[in-house]
């Protein structure tokens, strides 16, 4: 699935809404749609977590800024 997490979450919300609408008339179908929505939410979460940099990588640019300072030119 090549969707982005936001799109997957939107699809999940729509499936939850559908499940709620048919809960009284077709409980088995509502359960299937809710399970599908749960899977989409989990996939979106995994995609978001995979796209985050490791914790020490997030700190690296700040560390580099502290260590590498431009030389002052004496005029």
C-alpha atoms as a PDB file:
ATOM      1  CA  UNK A   1       0.000   0.000   0.000  1.00  0.00           C
ATOM      2  CA  UNK A   2       1.594   3.263  -1.090  1.00  0.00           C
ATOM      3  CA  UNK A   3      -0.617   5.551   0.960  1.00  0.00           C
ATOM      4  CA  UNK A   4       0.652   8.067   3.452  1.00  0.00           C
ATOM      5  CA  UNK A   5      -0.319   7.723   7.135  1.00  0.00           C
ATOM      6  CA  UNK A   6      -2.798  10.611   7.046  1.00  0.00           C
ATOM      7  CA  UNK A   7      -4.676   9.042   4.138  1.00  0.00           C
ATOM      8  CA  UNK A   8      -4.710   5.657   5.863  1.00  0.00           C
ATOM      9  CA  UNK A   9      -6.133   7.232   9.016  1.00  0.00           C
ATOM     10  CA  UNK A  10      -8.842   8.979   6.991  1.00  0.00           C
ATOM     11  CA  UNK A  11      -9.816   5.659   5.412  1.00  0.00           C
ATOM     12  CA  UNK A  12      -9.897   4.078   8.877  1.00  0.00           C
ATOM     13  CA  UNK A  13     -12.263   6.777  10.151  1.00  0.00           C
ATOM     14  CA  UNK A  14     -14.579   6.121   7.224  1.00  0.00           C
ATOM     15  CA  UNK A  15     -14.542   2.397   7.965  1.00  0.00           C
ATOM     16  CA  UNK A  16     -15.325   3.062  11.640  1.00  0.00           C
ATOM     17  CA  UNK A  17     -18.258   5.258  10.557  1.00  0.00           C
ATOM     18  CA  UNK A  18     -19.536   2.547   8.221  1.00  0.00           C
ATOM     19  CA  UNK A  19     -19.220  -0.052  10.980  1.00  0.00           C
ATOM     20  CA  UNK A  20     -21.234   2.141  13.301  1.00  0.00           C
ATOM     21  CA  UNK A  21     -23.975   2.648  10.713  1.00  0.00           C
ATOM     22  CA  UNK A  22     -24.478  -1.072  10.059  1.00  0.00           C
ATOM     23  CA  UNK A  23     -23.840  -2.337  13.618  1.00  0.00           C
ATOM     24  CA  UNK A  24     -27.540  -3.019  14.340  1.00  0.00           C
ATOM     25  CA  UNK A  25     -28.478  -4.585  11.006  1.00  0.00           C
ATOM     26  CA  UNK A  26     -25.281  -6.496  10.148  1.00  0.00           C
ATOM     27  CA  UNK A  27     -23.029  -6.973  13.170  1.00  0.00           C
ATOM     28  CA  UNK A  28     -20.623  -9.372  11.423  1.00  0.00           C
ATOM     29  CA  UNK A  29     -20.021  -6.840   8.643  1.00  0.00           C
ATOM     30  CA  UNK A  30     -19.525  -4.054  11.188  1.00  0.00           C
ATOM     31  CA  UNK A  31     -16.952  -6.196  13.006  1.00  0.00           C
ATOM     32  CA  UNK A  32     -15.064  -6.835   9.753  1.00  0.00           C
ATOM     33  CA  UNK A  33     -14.959  -3.122   8.899  1.00  0.00           C
ATOM     34  CA  UNK A  34     -13.813  -2.225  12.408  1.00  0.00           C
ATOM     35  CA  UNK A  35     -11.015  -4.806  12.163  1.00  0.00           C
ATOM     36  CA  UNK A  36      -9.996  -3.372   8.783  1.00  0.00           C
ATOM     37  CA  UNK A  37      -9.956   0.109  10.317  1.00  0.00           C
ATOM     38  CA  UNK A  38      -7.800  -1.113  13.217  1.00  0.00           C
ATOM     39  CA  UNK A  39      -5.306  -2.605  10.744  1.00  0.00           C
ATOM     40  CA  UNK A  40      -5.127   0.672   8.805  1.00  0.00           C
ATOM     41  CA  UNK A  41      -4.493   2.591  12.036  1.00  0.00           C
ATOM     42  CA  UNK A  42      -1.704   0.175  12.995  1.00  0.00           C
ATOM     43  CA  UNK A  43      -0.146   0.436   9.535  1.00  0.00           C
ATOM     44  CA  UNK A  44      -0.244   4.237   9.694  1.00  0.00           C
ATOM     45  CA  UNK A  45       1.439   4.162  13.097  1.00  0.00           C
ATOM     46  CA  UNK A  46       4.179   1.827  11.842  1.00  0.00           C
ATOM     47  CA  UNK A  47       4.759   4.074   8.823  1.00  0.00           C
ATOM     48  CA  UNK A  48       5.039   7.160  11.036  1.00  0.00           C
ATOM     49  CA  UNK A  49       7.442   5.438  13.404  1.00  0.00           C
ATOM     50  CA  UNK A  50       9.578   4.184  10.516  1.00  0.00           C
ATOM     51  CA  UNK A  51       9.867   7.682   9.061  1.00  0.00           C
ATOM     52  CA  UNK A  52      11.156   9.224  12.307  1.00  0.00           C
ATOM     53  CA  UNK A  53      14.907   9.553  12.649  1.00  0.00           C
ATOM     54  CA  UNK A  54      16.570   7.630  15.469  1.00  0.00           C
ATOM     55  CA  UNK A  55      16.749   9.682  18.691  1.00  0.00           C
ATOM     56  CA  UNK A  56      20.501  10.331  18.458  1.00  0.00           C
ATOM     57  CA  UNK A  57      20.171  11.394  14.802  1.00  0.00           C
ATOM     58  CA  UNK A  58      17.641  14.061  15.785  1.00  0.00           C
ATOM     59  CA  UNK A  59      20.169  15.589  18.178  1.00  0.00           C
ATOM     60  CA  UNK A  60      23.091  15.486  15.758  1.00  0.00           C
ATOM     61  CA  UNK A  61      22.424  18.774  13.910  1.00  0.00           C
ATOM     62  CA  UNK A  62      22.313  20.702  17.197  1.00  0.00           C
ATOM     63  CA  UNK A  63      25.567  19.081  18.304  1.00  0.00           C
ATOM     64  CA  UNK A  64      27.205  19.921  15.001  1.00  0.00           C
ATOM     65  CA  UNK A  65      26.098  23.524  15.273  1.00  0.00           C
ATOM     66  CA  UNK A  66      27.760  23.768  18.652  1.00  0.00           C
ATOM     67  CA  UNK A  67      30.981  22.132  17.484  1.00  0.00           C
ATOM     68  CA  UNK A  68      31.464  23.767  14.097  1.00  0.00           C
ATOM     69  CA  UNK A  69      31.676  27.508  14.414  1.00  0.00           C
ATOM     70  CA  UNK A  70      32.668  29.834  11.634  1.00  0.00           C
ATOM     71  CA  UNK A  71      36.072  31.424  11.977  1.00  0.00           C
ATOM     72  CA  UNK A  72      36.043  35.097  12.730  1.00  0.00           C
ATOM     73  CA  UNK A  73      37.990  37.171  10.289  1.00  0.00           C
ATOM     74  CA  UNK A  74      40.173  39.869  11.771  1.00  0.00           C
ATOM     75  CA  UNK A  75      40.097  42.900   9.502  1.00  0.00           C
END
